[in-house]
């Protein structure tokens, strides 16, 4: 499990970091439409947490809670391959955003879909990983309830 988690996390971190660097250094001084006004590339800098949300003084508290939940899930339950992939997505995305923030104090976001907040590859990986984990946990709880009947 640890090898798969490490490899996927490292891969996501690498892809997210390279994508962000290439897009930022290549262009993006203004919005580039990909599908009309609906989907495009637009560089913005995020000093908050995911999707530009700024929690102010309580931001470190919420980050600590999120990390605690991920660590608790990693340490307390058996994991399927799907859950390992989900953890890899979350951890890789988080590491990529942390590296971006350490380098210049903010995270670079580039993907714009309609009026949804602008995001990056790392944000996408985290979101997909969390959704997969939520589905796995929900399914696991339903199976436990049906076995107890």
N, C-alpha and C. Protein backbone atom coordinates (compact mmCIF):
# COMPACT_ATOMS: atom_id res chain seq x y z
N UNK A 1 0.82 -1.19 0.00
CA UNK A 1 0.00 0.00 0.00
C UNK A 1 0.86 1.26 0.00
N UNK A 2 1.89 1.29 0.85
CA UNK A 2 2.69 2.50 0.98
C UNK A 2 3.38 2.87 -0.33
N UNK A 3 3.85 1.86 -1.06
CA UNK A 3 4.54 2.12 -2.32
C UNK A 3 3.58 2.74 -3.34
N UNK A 4 2.38 2.17 -3.45
CA UNK A 4 1.39 2.68 -4.39
C UNK A 4 0.98 4.10 -4.01
N UNK A 5 0.74 4.34 -2.72
CA UNK A 5 0.35 5.66 -2.23
C UNK A 5 1.46 6.66 -2.52
N UNK A 6 2.70 6.28 -2.24
CA UNK A 6 3.83 7.17 -2.48
C UNK A 6 3.97 7.49 -3.97
N UNK A 7 3.91 6.48 -4.82
CA UNK A 7 4.08 6.69 -6.27
C UNK A 7 2.98 7.59 -6.84
N UNK A 8 1.74 7.33 -6.46
CA UNK A 8 0.65 8.16 -6.97
C UNK A 8 0.76 9.58 -6.44
N UNK A 9 1.06 9.73 -5.15
CA UNK A 9 1.22 11.07 -4.58
C UNK A 9 2.34 11.83 -5.27
N UNK A 10 3.46 11.17 -5.48
CA UNK A 10 4.59 11.81 -6.15
C UNK A 10 4.23 12.18 -7.59
N UNK A 11 3.52 11.30 -8.28
CA UNK A 11 3.10 11.58 -9.66
C UNK A 11 2.16 12.77 -9.74
N UNK A 12 1.17 12.82 -8.86
CA UNK A 12 0.23 13.95 -8.84
C UNK A 12 0.97 15.24 -8.53
N UNK A 13 1.87 15.18 -7.55
CA UNK A 13 2.65 16.37 -7.18
C UNK A 13 3.45 16.86 -8.38
N UNK A 14 4.10 15.96 -9.07
CA UNK A 14 4.91 16.32 -10.23
C UNK A 14 4.07 16.91 -11.35
N UNK A 15 2.98 16.24 -11.71
CA UNK A 15 2.11 16.74 -12.79
C UNK A 15 1.53 18.11 -12.43
N UNK A 16 1.05 18.26 -11.21
CA UNK A 16 0.46 19.53 -10.80
C UNK A 16 1.49 20.65 -10.82
N UNK A 17 2.68 20.38 -10.32
CA UNK A 17 3.72 21.40 -10.28
C UNK A 17 4.20 21.78 -11.68
N UNK A 18 4.41 20.80 -12.53
CA UNK A 18 4.86 21.07 -13.89
C UNK A 18 3.79 21.82 -14.67
N UNK A 19 2.55 21.38 -14.56
CA UNK A 19 1.45 22.04 -15.27
C UNK A 19 1.35 23.50 -14.86
N UNK A 20 1.39 23.75 -13.57
CA UNK A 20 1.30 25.11 -13.08
C UNK A 20 2.45 25.96 -13.59
N UNK A 21 3.67 25.43 -13.53
CA UNK A 21 4.84 26.18 -13.98
C UNK A 21 4.78 26.49 -15.47
N UNK A 22 4.42 25.50 -16.27
CA UNK A 22 4.36 25.69 -17.72
C UNK A 22 3.32 26.74 -18.08
N UNK A 23 2.13 26.61 -17.50
CA UNK A 23 1.06 27.55 -17.83
C UNK A 23 1.39 28.96 -17.38
N UNK A 24 1.99 29.10 -16.23
CA UNK A 24 2.29 30.43 -15.71
C UNK A 24 3.40 31.09 -16.51
N UNK A 25 4.43 30.33 -16.84
CA UNK A 25 5.58 30.92 -17.51
C UNK A 25 5.37 31.08 -19.02
N UNK A 26 4.46 30.33 -19.60
CA UNK A 26 4.26 30.37 -21.04
C UNK A 26 3.39 31.54 -21.49
N UNK A 27 2.36 31.81 -20.74
CA UNK A 27 1.40 32.82 -21.17
C UNK A 27 0.51 33.20 -20.00
N UNK A 28 -0.72 33.40 -20.25
CA UNK A 28 -1.74 33.68 -19.25
C UNK A 28 -1.64 35.06 -18.61
N UNK A 29 -1.36 36.06 -19.40
CA UNK A 29 -1.49 37.42 -18.90
C UNK A 29 -2.93 37.89 -18.97
N UNK A 30 -3.73 37.17 -19.74
CA UNK A 30 -5.17 37.44 -19.80
C UNK A 30 -5.88 36.10 -20.03
N UNK A 31 -7.19 36.11 -19.89
CA UNK A 31 -7.97 34.87 -20.03
C UNK A 31 -7.87 34.35 -21.46
N UNK A 32 -7.68 33.03 -21.58
CA UNK A 32 -7.65 32.38 -22.88
C UNK A 32 -8.86 31.45 -22.94
N UNK A 33 -9.84 31.77 -23.79
CA UNK A 33 -11.02 30.91 -23.87
C UNK A 33 -10.69 29.59 -24.56
N UNK A 34 -11.19 28.49 -23.99
CA UNK A 34 -11.04 27.18 -24.61
C UNK A 34 -12.36 26.73 -25.22
N UNK A 35 -13.45 26.96 -24.49
CA UNK A 35 -14.80 26.66 -24.98
C UNK A 35 -15.64 27.91 -24.72
N UNK A 36 -15.49 28.86 -25.62
CA UNK A 36 -16.23 30.11 -25.50
C UNK A 36 -16.04 30.74 -24.13
N UNK A 37 -17.11 31.31 -23.58
CA UNK A 37 -17.00 31.94 -22.27
C UNK A 37 -17.12 30.93 -21.12
N UNK A 38 -17.31 29.66 -21.44
CA UNK A 38 -17.60 28.65 -20.42
C UNK A 38 -16.36 28.04 -19.77
N UNK A 39 -15.36 27.73 -20.57
CA UNK A 39 -14.14 27.10 -20.05
C UNK A 39 -12.94 27.85 -20.61
N UNK A 40 -11.99 28.12 -19.73
CA UNK A 40 -10.81 28.83 -20.20
C UNK A 40 -9.66 28.73 -19.22
N UNK A 41 -8.56 29.35 -19.61
CA UNK A 41 -7.38 29.43 -18.77
C UNK A 41 -7.24 30.88 -18.34
N UNK A 42 -7.08 31.07 -17.05
CA UNK A 42 -6.93 32.43 -16.52
C UNK A 42 -6.09 32.34 -15.25
N UNK A 43 -4.91 32.91 -15.31
CA UNK A 43 -4.02 32.82 -14.15
C UNK A 43 -4.49 33.75 -13.03
N UNK A 44 -4.55 33.18 -11.86
CA UNK A 44 -4.85 33.97 -10.67
C UNK A 44 -4.05 33.39 -9.51
N UNK A 45 -3.86 34.18 -8.50
CA UNK A 45 -3.08 33.72 -7.35
C UNK A 45 -4.00 33.62 -6.14
N UNK A 46 -3.91 32.51 -5.45
CA UNK A 46 -4.79 32.19 -4.34
C UNK A 46 -3.99 32.20 -3.04
N UNK A 47 -4.33 33.12 -2.15
CA UNK A 47 -3.66 33.15 -0.85
C UNK A 47 -4.50 32.45 0.22
N UNK A 48 -5.69 31.98 -0.17
CA UNK A 48 -6.58 31.28 0.77
C UNK A 48 -6.39 29.78 0.67
N UNK A 49 -7.47 29.06 0.93
CA UNK A 49 -7.45 27.60 0.79
C UNK A 49 -8.08 27.25 -0.55
N UNK A 50 -8.64 26.08 -0.68
CA UNK A 50 -9.18 25.60 -1.96
C UNK A 50 -10.18 26.57 -2.58
N UNK A 51 -10.07 26.72 -3.88
CA UNK A 51 -10.99 27.51 -4.70
C UNK A 51 -11.09 28.97 -4.25
N UNK A 52 -10.01 29.50 -3.72
CA UNK A 52 -9.97 30.92 -3.37
C UNK A 52 -10.66 31.28 -2.07
N UNK A 53 -11.13 30.30 -1.32
CA UNK A 53 -11.80 30.60 -0.05
C UNK A 53 -10.75 31.08 0.94
N UNK A 54 -11.00 32.22 1.54
CA UNK A 54 -10.07 32.77 2.52
C UNK A 54 -10.73 32.71 3.89
N UNK A 55 -10.18 31.91 4.76
CA UNK A 55 -10.75 31.71 6.09
C UNK A 55 -10.10 32.60 7.15
N UNK A 56 -9.20 33.46 6.73
CA UNK A 56 -8.57 34.39 7.66
C UNK A 56 -7.79 33.69 8.76
N UNK A 57 -8.01 34.14 9.98
CA UNK A 57 -7.25 33.64 11.13
C UNK A 57 -7.54 32.18 11.46
N UNK A 58 -8.71 31.66 11.05
CA UNK A 58 -9.04 30.28 11.40
C UNK A 58 -8.58 29.28 10.33
N UNK A 59 -7.94 29.77 9.28
CA UNK A 59 -7.48 28.90 8.20
C UNK A 59 -6.56 27.78 8.71
N UNK A 60 -5.55 28.07 9.55
CA UNK A 60 -4.69 26.98 10.03
C UNK A 60 -5.47 25.92 10.81
N UNK A 61 -6.49 26.33 11.53
CA UNK A 61 -7.33 25.40 12.29
C UNK A 61 -8.01 24.41 11.35
N UNK A 62 -8.60 24.90 10.27
CA UNK A 62 -9.29 24.02 9.32
C UNK A 62 -8.32 23.12 8.57
N UNK A 63 -7.15 23.64 8.26
CA UNK A 63 -6.14 22.81 7.60
C UNK A 63 -5.70 21.69 8.54
N UNK A 64 -5.50 22.00 9.81
CA UNK A 64 -5.11 20.98 10.79
C UNK A 64 -6.20 19.91 10.93
N UNK A 65 -7.46 20.32 10.95
CA UNK A 65 -8.56 19.35 11.04
C UNK A 65 -8.56 18.44 9.81
N UNK A 66 -8.41 19.02 8.63
CA UNK A 66 -8.41 18.22 7.40
C UNK A 66 -7.26 17.22 7.40
N UNK A 67 -6.08 17.67 7.80
CA UNK A 67 -4.93 16.75 7.87
C UNK A 67 -5.17 15.66 8.90
N UNK A 68 -5.77 16.02 10.02
CA UNK A 68 -6.08 15.04 11.05
C UNK A 68 -7.04 13.97 10.56
N UNK A 69 -8.05 14.38 9.82
CA UNK A 69 -9.02 13.42 9.27
C UNK A 69 -8.34 12.46 8.30
N UNK A 70 -7.51 13.00 7.41
CA UNK A 70 -6.81 12.15 6.44
C UNK A 70 -5.89 11.16 7.16
N UNK A 71 -5.14 11.65 8.15
CA UNK A 71 -4.25 10.75 8.90
C UNK A 71 -5.04 9.69 9.65
N UNK A 72 -6.15 10.08 10.25
CA UNK A 72 -6.99 9.13 10.97
C UNK A 72 -7.51 8.05 10.03
N UNK A 73 -7.98 8.46 8.86
CA UNK A 73 -8.47 7.49 7.88
C UNK A 73 -7.36 6.56 7.41
N UNK A 74 -6.18 7.12 7.21
CA UNK A 74 -5.05 6.30 6.76
C UNK A 74 -4.65 5.26 7.81
N UNK A 75 -4.74 5.62 9.07
CA UNK A 75 -4.22 4.76 10.13
C UNK A 75 -5.24 3.81 10.74
N UNK A 76 -6.52 4.05 10.57
CA UNK A 76 -7.51 3.28 11.33
C UNK A 76 -8.32 2.28 10.54
N UNK A 77 -8.23 2.26 9.25
CA UNK A 77 -9.08 1.35 8.49
C UNK A 77 -8.25 0.58 7.47
N UNK A 78 -8.73 -0.61 7.14
CA UNK A 78 -8.12 -1.30 5.99
C UNK A 78 -8.51 -0.56 4.71
N UNK A 79 -7.68 -0.64 3.71
CA UNK A 79 -7.94 0.15 2.50
C UNK A 79 -7.96 -0.73 1.25
N UNK A 80 -8.93 -0.45 0.41
CA UNK A 80 -8.99 -1.10 -0.89
C UNK A 80 -8.05 -0.36 -1.83
N UNK A 81 -7.83 -0.91 -3.01
CA UNK A 81 -6.99 -0.23 -4.00
C UNK A 81 -7.60 1.11 -4.39
N UNK A 82 -8.92 1.16 -4.47
CA UNK A 82 -9.60 2.42 -4.82
C UNK A 82 -9.34 3.48 -3.75
N UNK A 83 -9.40 3.08 -2.48
CA UNK A 83 -9.13 4.04 -1.40
C UNK A 83 -7.67 4.50 -1.44
N UNK A 84 -6.77 3.60 -1.76
CA UNK A 84 -5.36 3.98 -1.88
C UNK A 84 -5.17 5.02 -2.97
N UNK A 85 -5.85 4.83 -4.08
CA UNK A 85 -5.79 5.80 -5.18
C UNK A 85 -6.34 7.14 -4.70
N UNK A 86 -7.46 7.10 -3.99
CA UNK A 86 -8.06 8.34 -3.48
C UNK A 86 -7.11 9.06 -2.54
N UNK A 87 -6.48 8.32 -1.62
CA UNK A 87 -5.51 8.94 -0.71
C UNK A 87 -4.34 9.52 -1.50
N UNK A 88 -3.89 8.81 -2.51
CA UNK A 88 -2.80 9.31 -3.34
C UNK A 88 -3.15 10.62 -4.02
N UNK A 89 -4.38 10.73 -4.50
CA UNK A 89 -4.84 11.97 -5.12
C UNK A 89 -4.86 13.12 -4.11
N UNK A 90 -5.39 12.86 -2.93
CA UNK A 90 -5.49 13.90 -1.90
C UNK A 90 -4.10 14.33 -1.44
N UNK A 91 -3.26 13.37 -1.12
CA UNK A 91 -1.92 13.69 -0.61
C UNK A 91 -1.08 14.37 -1.69
N UNK A 92 -1.11 13.86 -2.91
CA UNK A 92 -0.35 14.48 -4.00
C UNK A 92 -0.80 15.90 -4.28
N UNK A 93 -2.10 16.11 -4.32
CA UNK A 93 -2.63 17.47 -4.54
C UNK A 93 -2.24 18.41 -3.42
N UNK A 94 -2.33 17.93 -2.19
CA UNK A 94 -1.97 18.76 -1.04
C UNK A 94 -0.49 19.13 -1.08
N UNK A 95 0.36 18.16 -1.37
CA UNK A 95 1.80 18.44 -1.43
C UNK A 95 2.11 19.45 -2.54
N UNK A 96 1.48 19.29 -3.70
CA UNK A 96 1.71 20.24 -4.81
C UNK A 96 1.32 21.66 -4.40
N UNK A 97 0.18 21.80 -3.75
CA UNK A 97 -0.24 23.14 -3.32
C UNK A 97 0.67 23.69 -2.23
N UNK A 98 1.14 22.83 -1.34
CA UNK A 98 2.06 23.28 -0.29
C UNK A 98 3.38 23.75 -0.91
N UNK A 99 3.90 23.00 -1.88
CA UNK A 99 5.14 23.41 -2.55
C UNK A 99 4.95 24.75 -3.24
N UNK A 100 3.84 24.91 -3.95
CA UNK A 100 3.54 26.17 -4.64
C UNK A 100 3.50 27.32 -3.64
N UNK A 101 2.85 27.10 -2.51
CA UNK A 101 2.72 28.15 -1.49
C UNK A 101 4.07 28.47 -0.85
N UNK A 102 4.90 27.46 -0.62
CA UNK A 102 6.22 27.70 -0.02
C UNK A 102 7.09 28.52 -0.97
N UNK A 103 7.01 28.24 -2.27
CA UNK A 103 7.87 28.92 -3.24
C UNK A 103 7.58 30.41 -3.36
N UNK A 104 6.30 30.80 -3.33
CA UNK A 104 6.02 32.23 -3.49
C UNK A 104 4.88 32.76 -2.62
N UNK A 105 4.49 32.01 -1.60
CA UNK A 105 3.50 32.50 -0.65
C UNK A 105 2.06 32.42 -1.12
N UNK A 106 1.85 31.85 -2.28
CA UNK A 106 0.48 31.72 -2.80
C UNK A 106 0.43 30.54 -3.76
N UNK A 107 -0.78 30.11 -4.07
CA UNK A 107 -0.98 29.01 -5.00
C UNK A 107 -1.46 29.59 -6.32
N UNK A 108 -0.92 29.10 -7.42
CA UNK A 108 -1.32 29.57 -8.74
C UNK A 108 -2.46 28.71 -9.26
N UNK A 109 -3.58 29.35 -9.59
CA UNK A 109 -4.74 28.67 -10.15
C UNK A 109 -4.89 29.12 -11.60
N UNK A 110 -5.32 28.20 -12.48
CA UNK A 110 -5.37 28.54 -13.91
C UNK A 110 -6.62 28.10 -14.65
N UNK A 111 -7.37 27.14 -14.13
CA UNK A 111 -8.51 26.61 -14.88
C UNK A 111 -9.81 27.30 -14.44
N UNK A 112 -10.52 27.81 -15.42
CA UNK A 112 -11.79 28.49 -15.14
C UNK A 112 -12.92 27.77 -15.87
N UNK A 113 -13.93 27.36 -15.11
CA UNK A 113 -15.11 26.71 -15.67
C UNK A 113 -16.32 27.53 -15.25
N UNK A 114 -16.91 28.19 -16.22
CA UNK A 114 -18.07 29.07 -15.99
C UNK A 114 -17.77 30.03 -14.84
N UNK A 115 -18.68 30.14 -13.87
CA UNK A 115 -18.46 31.08 -12.78
C UNK A 115 -17.90 30.40 -11.53
N UNK A 116 -17.52 29.12 -11.66
CA UNK A 116 -16.91 28.40 -10.54
C UNK A 116 -15.55 29.03 -10.25
N UNK A 117 -15.12 29.06 -8.99
CA UNK A 117 -13.80 29.64 -8.70
C UNK A 117 -12.69 28.96 -9.51
N UNK A 118 -11.71 29.74 -9.88
CA UNK A 118 -10.58 29.24 -10.67
C UNK A 118 -9.78 28.26 -9.81
N UNK A 119 -9.29 27.17 -10.43
CA UNK A 119 -8.62 26.11 -9.69
C UNK A 119 -7.43 25.60 -10.47
N UNK A 120 -6.70 24.64 -9.89
CA UNK A 120 -5.53 24.07 -10.55
C UNK A 120 -5.61 22.54 -10.53
N UNK A 121 -4.60 21.88 -11.08
CA UNK A 121 -4.57 20.42 -11.14
C UNK A 121 -4.59 19.83 -9.74
N UNK A 122 -3.85 20.42 -8.82
CA UNK A 122 -3.80 19.90 -7.45
C UNK A 122 -5.18 19.97 -6.79
N UNK A 123 -5.89 21.09 -6.96
CA UNK A 123 -7.24 21.21 -6.41
C UNK A 123 -8.15 20.12 -6.97
N UNK A 124 -8.02 19.86 -8.26
CA UNK A 124 -8.83 18.82 -8.89
C UNK A 124 -8.53 17.45 -8.30
N UNK A 125 -7.25 17.15 -8.10
CA UNK A 125 -6.86 15.86 -7.52
C UNK A 125 -7.42 15.71 -6.11
N UNK A 126 -7.32 16.75 -5.31
CA UNK A 126 -7.84 16.71 -3.95
C UNK A 126 -9.35 16.48 -3.96
N UNK A 127 -10.06 17.22 -4.79
CA UNK A 127 -11.52 17.11 -4.85
C UNK A 127 -11.95 15.72 -5.29
N UNK A 128 -11.33 15.20 -6.34
CA UNK A 128 -11.68 13.86 -6.83
C UNK A 128 -11.36 12.81 -5.76
N UNK A 129 -10.20 12.94 -5.12
CA UNK A 129 -9.83 11.99 -4.07
C UNK A 129 -10.80 12.01 -2.90
N UNK A 130 -11.21 13.19 -2.46
CA UNK A 130 -12.17 13.30 -1.35
C UNK A 130 -13.51 12.69 -1.73
N UNK A 131 -13.96 12.95 -2.95
CA UNK A 131 -15.24 12.37 -3.40
C UNK A 131 -15.17 10.84 -3.43
N UNK A 132 -14.08 10.30 -3.93
CA UNK A 132 -13.92 8.84 -3.97
C UNK A 132 -13.90 8.28 -2.55
N UNK A 133 -13.17 8.93 -1.64
CA UNK A 133 -13.13 8.47 -0.25
C UNK A 133 -14.51 8.50 0.39
N UNK A 134 -15.26 9.57 0.14
CA UNK A 134 -16.61 9.68 0.71
C UNK A 134 -17.49 8.55 0.20
N UNK A 135 -17.40 8.24 -1.08
CA UNK A 135 -18.19 7.13 -1.64
C UNK A 135 -17.76 5.79 -1.04
N UNK A 136 -16.47 5.58 -0.89
CA UNK A 136 -15.97 4.32 -0.31
C UNK A 136 -16.42 4.17 1.13
N UNK A 137 -16.32 5.23 1.91
CA UNK A 137 -16.72 5.17 3.31
C UNK A 137 -18.22 4.93 3.42
N UNK A 138 -18.99 5.61 2.60
CA UNK A 138 -20.45 5.43 2.60
C UNK A 138 -20.81 3.99 2.25
N UNK A 139 -20.17 3.46 1.22
CA UNK A 139 -20.42 2.08 0.80
C UNK A 139 -20.03 1.09 1.89
N UNK A 140 -18.90 1.34 2.54
CA UNK A 140 -18.43 0.47 3.61
C UNK A 140 -19.40 0.46 4.79
N UNK A 141 -19.91 1.63 5.14
CA UNK A 141 -20.87 1.73 6.25
C UNK A 141 -22.17 1.01 5.91
N UNK A 142 -22.61 1.11 4.67
CA UNK A 142 -23.84 0.41 4.26
C UNK A 142 -23.64 -1.10 4.33
N UNK A 143 -22.46 -1.58 3.92
CA UNK A 143 -22.17 -3.01 3.98
C UNK A 143 -22.12 -3.50 5.43
N UNK A 144 -21.55 -2.70 6.32
CA UNK A 144 -21.49 -3.08 7.73
C UNK A 144 -22.89 -3.17 8.33
N UNK A 145 -23.75 -2.22 7.99
CA UNK A 145 -25.12 -2.23 8.51
C UNK A 145 -25.88 -3.44 8.01
N UNK A 146 -25.71 -3.79 6.74
CA UNK A 146 -26.43 -4.94 6.19
C UNK A 146 -25.92 -6.25 6.79
N UNK A 147 -24.64 -6.32 7.14
CA UNK A 147 -24.09 -7.52 7.76
C UNK A 147 -24.56 -7.69 9.20
N UNK A 148 -24.86 -6.57 9.86
CA UNK A 148 -25.30 -6.62 11.26
C UNK A 148 -26.78 -6.95 11.40
N UNK A 149 -27.50 -6.97 10.30
CA UNK A 149 -28.94 -7.28 10.37
C UNK A 149 -29.20 -8.74 10.46
